[in-house]
Amino acid sequence: MSISQVSNQQLNLRAIAAIRGNAALSEAATTGVTRQADSVSISDSARALSSATRAVADSSDIRADKVAALKAAIADGTYSVDSRTLAQSMLRAGALG
């Protein structure tokens, strides 16, 4: 089967589907059946989540002065980390997580 035959079959299927859809719409119109309008309702929990997400996005946790100082210390090679404190913090975080 060539590609053009497959393409023609797809077009024919789409045309049949469109005809069926139009027939259903015209039948509904002639029988007096009305379609209900679409609607969306948002739950209270979804509204609360959206509000919380906006509040977090609007707040500024980043302390620009501290970030700038750390970047400068790293850049000039004066930044150092106490490995014992780091290891203890990692263990505590792993125990909590």
Protein backbone atom coordinates (compact mmCIF):
# COMPACT_ATOMS: atom_id res chain seq x y z
CA MET A 1 0.00 0.00 0.00
CA SER A 2 1.42 3.38 -0.91
CA ILE A 3 1.52 6.37 1.39
CA SER A 4 -0.99 8.24 -0.75
CA GLN A 5 -3.53 5.45 -0.23
CA VAL A 6 -3.07 5.64 3.55
CA SER A 7 -3.42 9.41 3.41
CA ASN A 8 -6.63 9.10 1.37
CA GLN A 9 -8.04 6.59 3.85
CA GLN A 10 -7.34 8.98 6.72
CA LEU A 11 -9.08 11.79 4.87
CA ASN A 12 -12.06 9.54 4.19
CA LEU A 13 -12.27 8.55 7.87
CA ARG A 14 -12.14 12.19 8.93
CA ALA A 15 -14.86 13.09 6.44
CA ILE A 16 -17.09 10.27 7.72
CA ALA A 17 -16.53 11.38 11.31
CA ALA A 18 -17.39 14.97 10.40
CA ILE A 19 -20.56 13.88 8.62
CA ARG A 20 -21.62 11.79 11.62
CA GLY A 21 -20.91 14.70 13.95
CA ASN A 22 -22.95 17.09 11.79
CA ALA A 23 -25.80 14.58 11.58
CA ALA A 24 -25.87 14.26 15.37
CA LEU A 25 -25.93 18.05 15.77
CA SER A 26 -28.71 18.52 13.23
CA GLU A 27 -30.73 15.70 14.83
CA ALA A 28 -30.38 17.36 18.23
CA ALA A 29 -31.49 20.66 16.72
CA THR A 30 -34.58 19.15 15.10
CA THR A 31 -35.62 17.16 18.18
CA GLY A 32 -35.34 20.20 20.45
CA VAL A 33 -32.53 18.73 22.53
CA THR A 34 -30.30 21.46 23.87
CA ARG A 35 -26.75 20.92 24.95
CA GLN A 36 -25.75 22.07 28.38
CA ALA A 37 -22.99 24.65 28.44
CA ASP A 38 -19.59 23.51 29.65
CA SER A 39 -18.59 24.67 33.10
CA VAL A 40 -15.64 24.40 35.43
CA SER A 41 -15.63 24.50 39.19
CA ILE A 42 -12.52 24.81 41.33
CA SER A 43 -12.45 23.24 44.76
CA ASP A 44 -11.57 25.16 47.91
CA SER A 45 -8.41 23.11 48.33
CA ALA A 46 -7.31 23.96 44.77
CA ARG A 47 -7.89 27.65 45.47
CA ALA A 48 -5.87 27.39 48.70
CA LEU A 49 -3.04 25.62 46.88
CA SER A 50 -3.00 28.27 44.17
CA SER A 51 -2.94 31.02 46.79
CA ALA A 52 -0.08 29.35 48.67
CA THR A 53 1.89 28.86 45.46
CA ARG A 54 1.50 32.55 44.60
CA ALA A 55 2.57 33.58 48.11
CA VAL A 56 5.72 31.46 47.92
CA ALA A 57 6.55 32.77 44.45
CA ASP A 58 6.09 36.37 45.60
CA SER A 59 8.22 36.01 48.73
CA SER A 60 11.96 36.52 48.54
CA ASP A 61 13.90 33.89 50.51
CA ILE A 62 17.15 34.70 48.77
CA ARG A 63 19.42 36.91 50.80
CA ALA A 64 21.26 38.68 48.01
CA ASP A 65 23.92 40.10 50.33
CA LYS A 66 24.85 36.66 51.66
CA VAL A 67 24.86 35.12 48.17
CA ALA A 68 27.13 37.90 46.90
CA ALA A 69 29.53 37.41 49.82
CA LEU A 70 29.68 33.64 49.24
CA LYS A 71 30.29 34.11 45.51
CA ALA A 72 33.11 36.54 46.23
CA ALA A 73 34.70 34.17 48.79
CA ILE A 74 34.52 31.26 46.34
CA ALA A 75 35.94 33.38 43.53
CA ASP A 76 38.96 34.58 45.52
CA GLY A 77 39.57 31.17 47.15
CA THR A 78 38.88 32.17 50.75
CA TYR A 79 35.70 30.11 51.16
CA SER A 80 36.20 27.08 53.39
CA VAL A 81 33.89 24.49 54.85
CA ASP A 82 34.30 22.70 58.17
CA SER A 83 34.04 19.09 57.04
CA ARG A 84 32.96 17.84 60.48
CA THR A 85 30.05 20.32 60.66
CA LEU A 86 29.08 19.50 57.08
CA ALA A 87 29.07 15.74 57.81
CA GLN A 88 26.96 16.21 60.95
CA SER A 89 24.47 18.36 59.07
CA MET A 90 24.23 15.78 56.30
CA LEU A 91 23.60 13.00 58.82
CA ARG A 92 20.90 15.02 60.58
CA ALA A 93 19.23 15.84 57.29
CA GLY A 94 19.34 12.19 56.25
CA ALA A 95 17.83 11.09 59.56
CA LEU A 96 15.00 13.60 59.19
CA GLY A 97 14.32 12.92 55.52
